[in-house]
Amino acid sequence: AEQKVRDRLARLSAWLGERDYLEDRFTAGDLMMTT
């Protein structure tokens, strides 16, 4: 179970990179992801 979380967080981290947010600005997607 922990490995599955690690895998998903790794993919999320790779997508985020050096961005401040998931896209080019804060949206409801960031709100949900943060929770």
Full PDB file with SEQRES, HELIX, SHEET, SSBOND, CRYST1, ORIGX, SCALE, CONECT and MASTER records, all heavy atoms in Angstrom:
SEQRES   1 A   35  ALA GLU GLN LYS VAL ARG ASP ARG LEU ALA ARG LEU SER          
SEQRES   2 A   35  ALA TRP LEU GLY GLU ARG ASP TYR LEU GLU ASP ARG PHE          
SEQRES   3 A   35  THR ALA GLY ASP LEU MET MET THR THR                          
HELIX    1 AA1 GLU A    2  LEU A   16  1                                  15    
HELIX    2 AA2 ALA A   28  THR A   34  1                                   7    
CRYST1    1.000    1.000    1.000  90.00  90.00  90.00 P 1           1          
ORIGX1      1.000000  0.000000  0.000000        0.00000                         
ORIGX2      0.000000  1.000000  0.000000        0.00000                         
ORIGX3      0.000000  0.000000  1.000000        0.00000                         
SCALE1      1.000000  0.000000  0.000000        0.00000                         
SCALE2      0.000000  1.000000  0.000000        0.00000                         
SCALE3      0.000000  0.000000  1.000000        0.00000                         
ATOM      1  N   ALA A   1       0.836  -1.203   0.000  1.00  0.00           N  
ATOM      2  CA  ALA A   1       0.000   0.000   0.000  1.00  0.00           C  
ATOM      3  C   ALA A   1       0.869   1.250   0.000  1.00  0.00           C  
ATOM      4  O   ALA A   1       0.592   2.219  -0.727  1.00  0.00           O  
ATOM      5  CB  ALA A   1      -0.928  -0.006   1.216  1.00  0.00           C  
ATOM      6  N   GLU A   2       1.925   1.231   0.798  1.00  0.00           N  
ATOM      7  CA  GLU A   2       2.822   2.388   0.820  1.00  0.00           C  
ATOM      8  C   GLU A   2       3.512   2.578  -0.520  1.00  0.00           C  
ATOM      9  O   GLU A   2       3.683   3.712  -0.990  1.00  0.00           O  
ATOM     10  CB  GLU A   2       3.861   2.233   1.924  1.00  0.00           C  
ATOM     11  CG  GLU A   2       4.808   3.426   2.003  1.00  0.00           C  
ATOM     12  CD  GLU A   2       5.808   3.306   3.118  1.00  0.00           C  
ATOM     13  OE1 GLU A   2       5.382   3.304   4.295  1.00  0.00           O  
ATOM     14  OE2 GLU A   2       7.019   3.211   2.812  1.00  0.00           O  
ATOM     15  N   GLN A   3       3.895   1.485  -1.164  1.00  0.00           N  
ATOM     16  CA  GLN A   3       4.575   1.605  -2.451  1.00  0.00           C  
ATOM     17  C   GLN A   3       3.665   2.231  -3.500  1.00  0.00           C  
ATOM     18  O   GLN A   3       4.121   3.017  -4.338  1.00  0.00           O  
ATOM     19  CB  GLN A   3       5.077   0.238  -2.926  1.00  0.00           C  
ATOM     20  CG  GLN A   3       5.977   0.323  -4.151  1.00  0.00           C  
ATOM     21  CD  GLN A   3       7.202   1.191  -3.908  1.00  0.00           C  
ATOM     22  OE1 GLN A   3       7.906   1.016  -2.918  1.00  0.00           O  
ATOM     23  NE2 GLN A   3       7.439   2.139  -4.808  1.00  0.00           N  
ATOM     24  N   LYS A   4       2.407   1.883  -3.459  1.00  0.00           N  
ATOM     25  CA  LYS A   4       1.466   2.488  -4.407  1.00  0.00           C  
ATOM     26  C   LYS A   4       1.396   3.999  -4.213  1.00  0.00           C  
ATOM     27  O   LYS A   4       1.358   4.768  -5.181  1.00  0.00           O  
ATOM     28  CB  LYS A   4       0.076   1.881  -4.233  1.00  0.00           C  
ATOM     29  CG  LYS A   4      -0.088   0.499  -4.812  1.00  0.00           C  
ATOM     30  CD  LYS A   4      -1.542   0.046  -4.706  1.00  0.00           C  
ATOM     31  CE  LYS A   4      -1.754  -1.309  -5.341  1.00  0.00           C  
ATOM     32  NZ  LYS A   4      -3.174  -1.741  -5.262  1.00  0.00           N  
ATOM     33  N   VAL A   5       1.381   4.434  -2.957  1.00  0.00           N  
ATOM     34  CA  VAL A   5       1.360   5.871  -2.678  1.00  0.00           C  
ATOM     35  C   VAL A   5       2.655   6.510  -3.164  1.00  0.00           C  
ATOM     36  O   VAL A   5       2.642   7.570  -3.798  1.00  0.00           O  
ATOM     37  CB  VAL A   5       1.154   6.138  -1.177  1.00  0.00           C  
ATOM     38  CG1 VAL A   5       1.292   7.626  -0.871  1.00  0.00           C  
ATOM     39  CG2 VAL A   5      -0.218   5.650  -0.733  1.00  0.00           C  
ATOM     40  N   ARG A   6       3.787   5.859  -2.868  1.00  0.00           N  
ATOM     41  CA  ARG A   6       5.075   6.396  -3.318  1.00  0.00           C  
ATOM     42  C   ARG A   6       5.105   6.555  -4.838  1.00  0.00           C  
ATOM     43  O   ARG A   6       5.595   7.559  -5.366  1.00  0.00           O  
ATOM     44  CB  ARG A   6       6.215   5.479  -2.872  1.00  0.00           C  
ATOM     45  CG  ARG A   6       6.527   5.532  -1.389  1.00  0.00           C  
ATOM     46  CD  ARG A   6       7.692   4.602  -1.064  1.00  0.00           C  
ATOM     47  NE  ARG A   6       7.999   4.608   0.347  1.00  0.00           N  
ATOM     48  CZ  ARG A   6       8.746   5.519   0.952  1.00  0.00           C  
ATOM     49  NH1 ARG A   6       9.259   6.512   0.232  1.00  0.00           N  
ATOM     50  NH2 ARG A   6       8.990   5.440   2.243  1.00  0.00           N  
ATOM     51  N   ASP A   7       4.593   5.559  -5.540  1.00  0.00           N  
ATOM     52  CA  ASP A   7       4.602   5.618  -7.006  1.00  0.00           C  
ATOM     53  C   ASP A   7       3.772   6.798  -7.513  1.00  0.00           C  
ATOM     54  O   ASP A   7       4.194   7.514  -8.429  1.00  0.00           O  
ATOM     55  CB  ASP A   7       4.059   4.315  -7.586  1.00  0.00           C  
ATOM     56  CG  ASP A   7       4.994   3.137  -7.363  1.00  0.00           C  
ATOM     57  OD1 ASP A   7       6.169   3.362  -7.014  1.00  0.00           O  
ATOM     58  OD2 ASP A   7       4.530   1.983  -7.527  1.00  0.00           O  
ATOM     59  N   ARG A   8       2.598   6.985  -6.923  1.00  0.00           N  
ATOM     60  CA  ARG A   8       1.748   8.087  -7.373  1.00  0.00           C  
ATOM     61  C   ARG A   8       2.339   9.446  -7.016  1.00  0.00           C  
ATOM     62  O   ARG A   8       2.261  10.398  -7.803  1.00  0.00           O  
ATOM     63  CB  ARG A   8       0.338   7.930  -6.791  1.00  0.00           C  
ATOM     64  CG  ARG A   8      -0.438   6.772  -7.421  1.00  0.00           C  
ATOM     65  CD  ARG A   8      -0.548   6.961  -8.933  1.00  0.00           C  
ATOM     66  NE  ARG A   8      -0.942   5.759  -9.623  1.00  0.00           N  
ATOM     67  CZ  ARG A   8      -2.193   5.482 -10.017  1.00  0.00           C  
ATOM     68  NH1 ARG A   8      -3.165   6.310  -9.746  1.00  0.00           N  
ATOM     69  NH2 ARG A   8      -2.454   4.374 -10.672  1.00  0.00           N  
ATOM     70  N   LEU A   9       2.923   9.552  -5.836  1.00  0.00           N  
ATOM     71  CA  LEU A   9       3.550  10.813  -5.457  1.00  0.00           C  
ATOM     72  C   LEU A   9       4.750  11.118  -6.350  1.00  0.00           C  
ATOM     73  O   LEU A   9       4.997  12.284  -6.692  1.00  0.00           O  
ATOM     74  CB  LEU A   9       3.980  10.777  -3.991  1.00  0.00           C  
ATOM     75  CG  LEU A   9       2.865  10.749  -2.946  1.00  0.00           C  
ATOM     76  CD1 LEU A   9       3.467  10.797  -1.544  1.00  0.00           C  
ATOM     77  CD2 LEU A   9       1.877  11.898  -3.128  1.00  0.00           C  
ATOM     78  N   ALA A  10       5.478  10.095  -6.734  1.00  0.00           N  
ATOM     79  CA  ALA A  10       6.616  10.304  -7.629  1.00  0.00           C  
ATOM     80  C   ALA A  10       6.159  10.846  -8.975  1.00  0.00           C  
ATOM     81  O   ALA A  10       6.781  11.756  -9.535  1.00  0.00           O  
ATOM     82  CB  ALA A  10       7.383   8.996  -7.822  1.00  0.00           C  
ATOM     83  N   ARG A  11       5.047  10.305  -9.484  1.00  0.00           N  
ATOM     84  CA  ARG A  11       4.524  10.796 -10.759  1.00  0.00           C  
ATOM     85  C   ARG A  11       3.993  12.214 -10.621  1.00  0.00           C  
ATOM     86  O   ARG A  11       4.188  13.060 -11.503  1.00  0.00           O  
ATOM     87  CB  ARG A  11       3.414   9.866 -11.269  1.00  0.00           C  
ATOM     88  CG  ARG A  11       3.834   8.447 -11.611  1.00  0.00           C  
ATOM     89  CD  ARG A  11       5.083   8.395 -12.485  1.00  0.00           C  
ATOM     90  NE  ARG A  11       5.006   9.294 -13.630  1.00  0.00           N  
ATOM     91  CZ  ARG A  11       6.046   9.738 -14.318  1.00  0.00           C  
ATOM     92  NH1 ARG A  11       7.266   9.377 -13.961  1.00  0.00           N  
ATOM     93  NH2 ARG A  11       5.891  10.544 -15.348  1.00  0.00           N  
ATOM     94  N   LEU A  12       3.343  12.492  -9.498  1.00  0.00           N  
ATOM     95  CA  LEU A  12       2.835  13.848  -9.262  1.00  0.00           C  
ATOM     96  C   LEU A  12       3.984  14.837  -9.138  1.00  0.00           C  
ATOM     97  O   LEU A  12       3.943  15.947  -9.703  1.00  0.00           O  
ATOM     98  CB  LEU A  12       1.975  13.863  -8.001  1.00  0.00           C  
ATOM     99  CG  LEU A  12       1.285  15.189  -7.658  1.00  0.00           C  
ATOM    100  CD1 LEU A  12       0.301  15.590  -8.742  1.00  0.00           C  
ATOM    101  CD2 LEU A  12       0.582  15.080  -6.305  1.00  0.00           C  
ATOM    102  N   SER A  13       5.030  14.447  -8.423  1.00  0.00           N  
ATOM    103  CA  SER A  13       6.207  15.296  -8.273  1.00  0.00           C  
ATOM    104  C   SER A  13       6.868  15.573  -9.617  1.00  0.00           C  
ATOM    105  O   SER A  13       7.291  16.701  -9.905  1.00  0.00           O  
ATOM    106  CB  SER A  13       7.200  14.635  -7.314  1.00  0.00           C  
ATOM    107  OG  SER A  13       8.402  15.365  -7.244  1.00  0.00           O  
ATOM    108  N   ALA A  14       6.954  14.543 -10.432  1.00  0.00           N  
ATOM    109  CA  ALA A  14       7.566  14.714 -11.757  1.00  0.00           C  
ATOM    110  C   ALA A  14       6.758  15.685 -12.604  1.00  0.00           C  
ATOM    111  O   ALA A  14       7.319  16.503 -13.340  1.00  0.00           O  
ATOM    112  CB  ALA A  14       7.676  13.359 -12.452  1.00  0.00           C  
ATOM    113  N   TRP A  15       5.440  15.598 -12.511  1.00  0.00           N  
ATOM    114  CA  TRP A  15       4.609  16.528 -13.278  1.00  0.00           C  
ATOM    115  C   TRP A  15       4.790  17.961 -12.772  1.00  0.00           C  
ATOM    116  O   TRP A  15       4.942  18.889 -13.552  1.00  0.00           O  
ATOM    117  CB  TRP A  15       3.131  16.152 -13.176  1.00  0.00           C  
ATOM    118  CG  TRP A  15       2.254  17.226 -13.765  1.00  0.00           C  
ATOM    119  CD1 TRP A  15       1.671  18.271 -13.105  1.00  0.00           C  
ATOM    120  CD2 TRP A  15       1.934  17.413 -15.144  1.00  0.00           C  
ATOM    121  NE1 TRP A  15       0.996  19.091 -13.983  1.00  0.00           N  
ATOM    122  CE2 TRP A  15       1.149  18.582 -15.239  1.00  0.00           C  
ATOM    123  CE3 TRP A  15       2.241  16.705 -16.304  1.00  0.00           C  
ATOM    124  CZ2 TRP A  15       0.663  19.051 -16.458  1.00  0.00           C  
ATOM    125  CZ3 TRP A  15       1.757  17.169 -17.516  1.00  0.00           C  
ATOM    126  CH2 TRP A  15       0.974  18.327 -17.582  1.00  0.00           C  
ATOM    127  N   LEU A  16       4.766  18.118 -11.445  1.00  0.00           N  
ATOM    128  CA  LEU A  16       4.847  19.459 -10.880  1.00  0.00           C  
ATOM    129  C   LEU A  16       6.172  20.116 -11.209  1.00  0.00           C  
ATOM    130  O   LEU A  16       6.212  21.302 -11.591  1.00  0.00           O  
ATOM    131  CB  LEU A  16       4.661  19.386  -9.356  1.00  0.00           C  
ATOM    132  CG  LEU A  16       4.621  20.720  -8.617  1.00  0.00           C  
ATOM    133  CD1 LEU A  16       3.398  21.535  -9.040  1.00  0.00           C  
ATOM    134  CD2 LEU A  16       4.603  20.488  -7.104  1.00  0.00           C  
ATOM    135  N   GLY A  17       7.271  19.366 -11.096  1.00  0.00           N  
ATOM    136  CA  GLY A  17       8.572  19.937 -11.407  1.00  0.00           C  
ATOM    137  C   GLY A  17       8.824  21.197 -10.598  1.00  0.00           C  
ATOM    138  O   GLY A  17       8.686  21.209  -9.380  1.00  0.00           O  
ATOM    139  N   GLU A  18       9.152  22.280 -11.293  1.00  0.00           N  
ATOM    140  CA  GLU A  18       9.412  23.556 -10.634  1.00  0.00           C  
ATOM    141  C   GLU A  18       8.202  24.487 -10.699  1.00  0.00           C  
ATOM    142  O   GLU A  18       8.317  25.667 -10.334  1.00  0.00           O  
ATOM    143  CB  GLU A  18      10.631  24.222 -11.267  1.00  0.00           C  
ATOM    144  CG  GLU A  18      11.925  23.421 -11.085  1.00  0.00           C  
ATOM    145  CD  GLU A  18      13.138  24.116 -11.666  1.00  0.00           C  
ATOM    146  OE1 GLU A  18      12.982  25.226 -12.224  1.00  0.00           O  
ATOM    147  OE2 GLU A  18      14.245  23.552 -11.558  1.00  0.00           O  
ATOM    148  N   ARG A  19       7.073  23.977 -11.133  1.00  0.00           N  
ATOM    149  CA  ARG A  19       5.871  24.808 -11.174  1.00  0.00           C  
ATOM    150  C   ARG A  19       5.423  25.177  -9.762  1.00  0.00           C  
ATOM    151  O   ARG A  19       5.646  24.433  -8.811  1.00  0.00           O  
ATOM    152  CB  ARG A  19       4.710  24.062 -11.843  1.00  0.00           C  
ATOM    153  CG  ARG A  19       4.853  23.709 -13.304  1.00  0.00           C  
ATOM    154  CD  ARG A  19       3.563  23.013 -13.746  1.00  0.00           C  
ATOM    155  NE  ARG A  19       3.540  22.676 -15.153  1.00  0.00           N  
ATOM    156  CZ  ARG A  19       3.914  21.506 -15.650  1.00  0.00           C  
ATOM    157  NH1 ARG A  19       4.353  20.562 -14.826  1.00  0.00           N  
ATOM    158  NH2 ARG A  19       3.858  21.275 -16.947  1.00  0.00           N  
ATOM    159  N   ASP A  20       4.725  26.281  -9.653  1.00  0.00           N  
ATOM    160  CA  ASP A  20       4.084  26.625  -8.387  1.00  0.00           C  
ATOM    161  C   ASP A  20       2.804  25.828  -8.195  1.00  0.00           C  
ATOM    162  O   ASP A  20       2.447  25.478  -7.066  1.00  0.00           O  
ATOM    163  CB  ASP A  20       3.752  28.118  -8.339  1.00  0.00           C  
ATOM    164  CG  ASP A  20       4.972  28.986  -8.096  1.00  0.00           C  
ATOM    165  OD1 ASP A  20       6.011  28.448  -7.632  1.00  0.00           O  
ATOM    166  OD2 ASP A  20       4.907  30.194  -8.374  1.00  0.00           O  
ATOM    167  N   TYR A  21       2.110  25.561  -9.305  1.00  0.00           N  
ATOM    168  CA  TYR A  21       0.826  24.865  -9.258  1.00  0.00           C  
ATOM    169  C   TYR A  21       0.778  23.817 -10.367  1.00  0.00           C  
ATOM    170  O   TYR A  21       1.660  23.754 -11.214  1.00  0.00           O  
ATOM    171  CB  TYR A  21      -0.329  25.867  -9.401  1.00  0.00           C  
ATOM    172  CG  TYR A  21      -0.305  26.926  -8.328  1.00  0.00           C  
ATOM    173  CD1 TYR A  21       0.092  28.233  -8.629  1.00  0.00           C  
ATOM    174  CD2 TYR A  21      -0.635  26.615  -7.012  1.00  0.00           C  
ATOM    175  CE1 TYR A  21       0.138  29.208  -7.635  1.00  0.00           C  
ATOM    176  CE2 TYR A  21      -0.588  27.583  -6.011  1.00  0.00           C  
ATOM    177  CZ  TYR A  21      -0.196  28.862  -6.330  1.00  0.00           C  
ATOM    178  OH  TYR A  21      -0.144  29.811  -5.329  1.00  0.00           O  
ATOM    179  N   LEU A  22      -0.272  23.015 -10.358  1.00  0.00           N  
ATOM    180  CA  LEU A  22      -0.380  21.930 -11.331  1.00  0.00           C  
ATOM    181  C   LEU A  22      -0.455  22.433 -12.759  1.00  0.00           C  
ATOM    182  O   LEU A  22       0.002  21.770 -13.690  1.00  0.00           O  
ATOM    183  CB  LEU A  22      -1.603  21.067 -11.002  1.00  0.00           C  
ATOM    184  CG  LEU A  22      -1.527  20.330  -9.667  1.00  0.00           C  
ATOM    185  CD1 LEU A  22      -2.874  19.682  -9.346  1.00  0.00           C  
ATOM    186  CD2 LEU A  22      -0.410  19.287  -9.672  1.00  0.00           C  
ATOM    187  N   GLU A  23      -1.067  23.597 -12.938  1.00  0.00           N  
ATOM    188  CA  GLU A  23      -1.076  24.258 -14.242  1.00  0.00           C  
ATOM    189  C   GLU A  23      -0.395  25.615 -14.067  1.00  0.00           C  
ATOM    190  O   GLU A  23       0.487  25.738 -13.228  1.00  0.00           O  
ATOM    191  CB  GLU A  23      -2.506  24.356 -14.779  1.00  0.00           C  
ATOM    192  CG  GLU A  23      -3.145  22.998 -15.054  1.00  0.00           C  
ATOM    193  CD  GLU A  23      -2.486  22.208 -16.177  1.00  0.00           C  
ATOM    194  OE1 GLU A  23      -2.008  22.835 -17.145  1.00  0.00           O  
ATOM    195  OE2 GLU A  23      -2.449  20.965 -16.100  1.00  0.00           O  
ATOM    196  N   ASP A  24      -0.796  26.620 -14.815  1.00  0.00           N  
ATOM    197  CA  ASP A  24      -0.068  27.885 -14.751  1.00  0.00           C  
ATOM    198  C   ASP A  24      -0.583  28.832 -13.673  1.00  0.00           C  
ATOM    199  O   ASP A  24      -0.074  29.945 -13.531  1.00  0.00           O  
ATOM    200  CB  ASP A  24      -0.089  28.583 -16.124  1.00  0.00           C  
ATOM    201  CG  ASP A  24      -1.504  28.877 -16.609  1.00  0.00           C  
ATOM    202  OD1 ASP A  24      -2.468  28.504 -15.911  1.00  0.00           O  
ATOM    203  OD2 ASP A  24      -1.647  29.475 -17.688  1.00  0.00           O  
ATOM    204  N   ARG A  25      -1.581  28.389 -12.888  1.00  0.00           N  
ATOM    205  CA  ARG A  25      -2.124  29.207 -11.812  1.00  0.00           C  
ATOM    206  C   ARG A  25      -2.916  28.312 -10.880  1.00  0.00           C  
ATOM    207  O   ARG A  25      -3.226  27.165 -11.216  1.00  0.00           O  
ATOM    208  CB  ARG A  25      -3.042  30.311 -12.369  1.00  0.00           C  
ATOM    209  CG  ARG A  25      -4.009  29.820 -13.427  1.00  0.00           C  
ATOM    210  CD  ARG A  25      -5.253  30.664 -13.518  1.00  0.00           C  
ATOM    211  NE  ARG A  25      -6.107  30.479 -12.352  1.00  0.00           N  
ATOM    212  CZ  ARG A  25      -7.380  30.894 -12.291  1.00  0.00           C  
ATOM    213  NH1 ARG A  25      -7.915  31.504 -13.321  1.00  0.00           N  
ATOM    214  NH2 ARG A  25      -8.101  30.676 -11.220  1.00  0.00           N  
ATOM    215  N   PHE A  26      -3.241  28.804  -9.700  1.00  0.00           N  
ATOM    216  CA  PHE A  26      -4.039  28.053  -8.742  1.00  0.00           C  
ATOM    217  C   PHE A  26      -5.446  27.843  -9.285  1.00  0.00           C  
ATOM    218  O   PHE A  26      -6.070  28.774  -9.793  1.00  0.00           O  
ATOM    219  CB  PHE A  26      -4.112  28.813  -7.419  1.00  0.00           C  
ATOM    220  CG  PHE A  26      -4.937  28.129  -6.360  1.00  0.00           C  
ATOM    221  CD1 PHE A  26      -4.369  27.164  -5.541  1.00  0.00           C  
ATOM    222  CD2 PHE A  26      -6.283  28.438  -6.193  1.00  0.00           C  
ATOM    223  CE1 PHE A  26      -5.129  26.516  -4.560  1.00  0.00           C  
ATOM    224  CE2 PHE A  26      -7.040  27.807  -5.213  1.00  0.00           C  
ATOM    225  CZ  PHE A  26      -6.470  26.848  -4.403  1.00  0.00           C  
ATOM    226  N   THR A  27      -5.945  26.602  -9.158  1.00  0.00           N  
ATOM    227  CA  THR A  27      -7.313  26.286  -9.572  1.00  0.00           C  
ATOM    228  C   THR A  27      -7.927  25.325  -8.566  1.00  0.00           C  
ATOM    229  O   THR A  27      -7.277  24.902  -7.602  1.00  0.00           O  
ATOM    230  CB  THR A  27      -7.348  25.620 -10.965  1.00  0.00           C  
ATOM    231  OG1 THR A  27      -6.837  24.281 -10.858  1.00  0.00           O  
ATOM    232  CG2 THR A  27      -6.578  26.410 -12.001  1.00  0.00           C  
ATOM    233  N   ALA A  28      -9.170  24.957  -8.828  1.00  0.00           N  
ATOM    234  CA  ALA A  28      -9.842  23.959  -7.998  1.00  0.00           C  
ATOM    235  C   ALA A  28      -9.091  22.635  -7.992  1.00  0.00           C  
ATOM    236  O   ALA A  28      -9.192  21.859  -7.035  1.00  0.00           O  
ATOM    237  CB  ALA A  28     -11.270  23.745  -8.491  1.00  0.00           C  
ATOM    238  N   GLY A  29      -8.330  22.360  -9.042  1.00  0.00           N  
ATOM    239  CA  GLY A  29      -7.524  21.147  -9.064  1.00  0.00           C  
ATOM    240  C   GLY A  29      -6.468  21.153  -7.977  1.00  0.00           C  
ATOM    241  O   GLY A  29      -6.222  20.127  -7.318  1.00  0.00           O  
ATOM    242  N   ASP A  30      -5.844  22.296  -7.748  1.00  0.00           N  
ATOM    243  CA  ASP A  30      -4.858  22.415  -6.674  1.00  0.00           C  
ATOM    244  C   ASP A  30      -5.529  22.320  -5.316  1.00  0.00           C  
ATOM    245  O   ASP A  30      -4.974  21.712  -4.380  1.00  0.00           O  
ATOM    246  CB  ASP A  30      -4.123  23.750  -6.799  1.00  0.00           C  
ATOM    247  CG  ASP A  30      -3.355  23.879  -8.091  1.00  0.00           C  
ATOM    248  OD1 ASP A  30      -2.379  23.126  -8.270  1.00  0.00           O  
ATOM    249  OD2 ASP A  30      -3.731  24.709  -8.925  1.00  0.00           O  
ATOM    250  N   LEU A  31      -6.683  22.906  -5.189  1.00  0.00           N  
ATOM    251  CA  LEU A  31      -7.437  22.827  -3.940  1.00  0.00           C  
ATOM    252  C   LEU A  31      -7.686  21.367  -3.567  1.00  0.00           C  
ATOM    253  O   LEU A  31      -7.392  20.943  -2.443  1.00  0.00           O  
ATOM    254  CB  LEU A  31      -8.756  23.589  -4.100  1.00  0.00           C  
ATOM    255  CG  LEU A  31      -9.711  23.700  -2.913  1.00  0.00           C  
ATOM    256  CD1 LEU A  31     -10.634  24.911  -3.089  1.00  0.00           C  
ATOM    257  CD2 LEU A  31     -10.569  22.452  -2.721  1.00  0.00           C  
ATOM    258  N   MET A  32      -8.200  20.608  -4.509  1.00  0.00           N  
ATOM    259  CA  MET A  32      -8.502  19.208  -4.232  1.00  0.00           C  
ATOM    260  C   MET A  32      -7.228  18.403  -3.974  1.00  0.00           C  
ATOM    261  O   MET A  32      -7.164  17.585  -3.056  1.00  0.00           O  
ATOM    262  CB  MET A  32      -9.287  18.604  -5.382  1.00  0.00           C  
ATOM    263  CG  MET A  32     -10.699  19.141  -5.523  1.00  0.00           C  
ATOM    264  SD  MET A  32     -11.789  18.689  -4.150  1.00  0.00           S  
ATOM    265  CE  MET A  32     -11.984  16.935  -4.450  1.00  0.00           C  
ATOM    266  N   MET A  33      -6.196  18.631  -4.771  1.00  0.00           N  
ATOM    267  CA  MET A  33      -4.965  17.859  -4.608  1.00  0.00           C  
ATOM    268  C   MET A  33      -4.322  18.138  -3.262  1.00  0.00           C  
ATOM    269  O   MET A  33      -3.791  17.218  -2.606  1.00  0.00           O  
ATOM    270  CB  MET A  33      -3.983  18.164  -5.742  1.00  0.00           C  
ATOM    271  CG  MET A  33      -2.808  17.212  -5.808  1.00  0.00           C  
ATOM    272  SD  MET A  33      -3.293  15.497  -6.184  1.00  0.00           S  
ATOM    273  CE  MET A  33      -3.688  15.661  -7.943  1.00  0.00           C  
ATOM    274  N   THR A  34      -4.351  19.376  -2.822  1.00  0.00           N  
ATOM    275  CA  THR A  34      -3.770  19.712  -1.533  1.00  0.00           C  
ATOM    276  C   THR A  34      -4.483  18.986  -0.400  1.00  0.00           C  
ATOM    277  O   THR A  34      -3.845  18.490   0.543  1.00  0.00           O  
ATOM    278  CB  THR A  34      -3.833  21.229  -1.298  1.00  0.00           C  
ATOM    279  OG1 THR A  34      -3.082  21.890  -2.315  1.00  0.00           O  
ATOM    280  CG2 THR A  34      -3.254  21.610   0.058  1.00  0.00           C  
ATOM    281  N   THR A  35      -5.803  18.881  -0.490  1.00  0.00           N  
ATOM    282  CA  THR A  35      -6.525  18.166   0.569  1.00  0.00           C  
ATOM    283  C   THR A  35      -6.179  16.683   0.574  1.00  0.00           C  
ATOM    284  O   THR A  35      -6.280  16.032   1.622  1.00  0.00           O  
ATOM    285  CB  THR A  35      -8.050  18.350   0.441  1.00  0.00           C  
ATOM    286  OG1 THR A  35      -8.532  17.755  -0.769  1.00  0.00           O  
ATOM    287  CG2 THR A  35      -8.428  19.833   0.471  1.00  0.00           C  
TER     288      THR A  35                                                      
MASTER        0    0    0    2    0    0    0    6  287    1    0    3          
END                                                                             
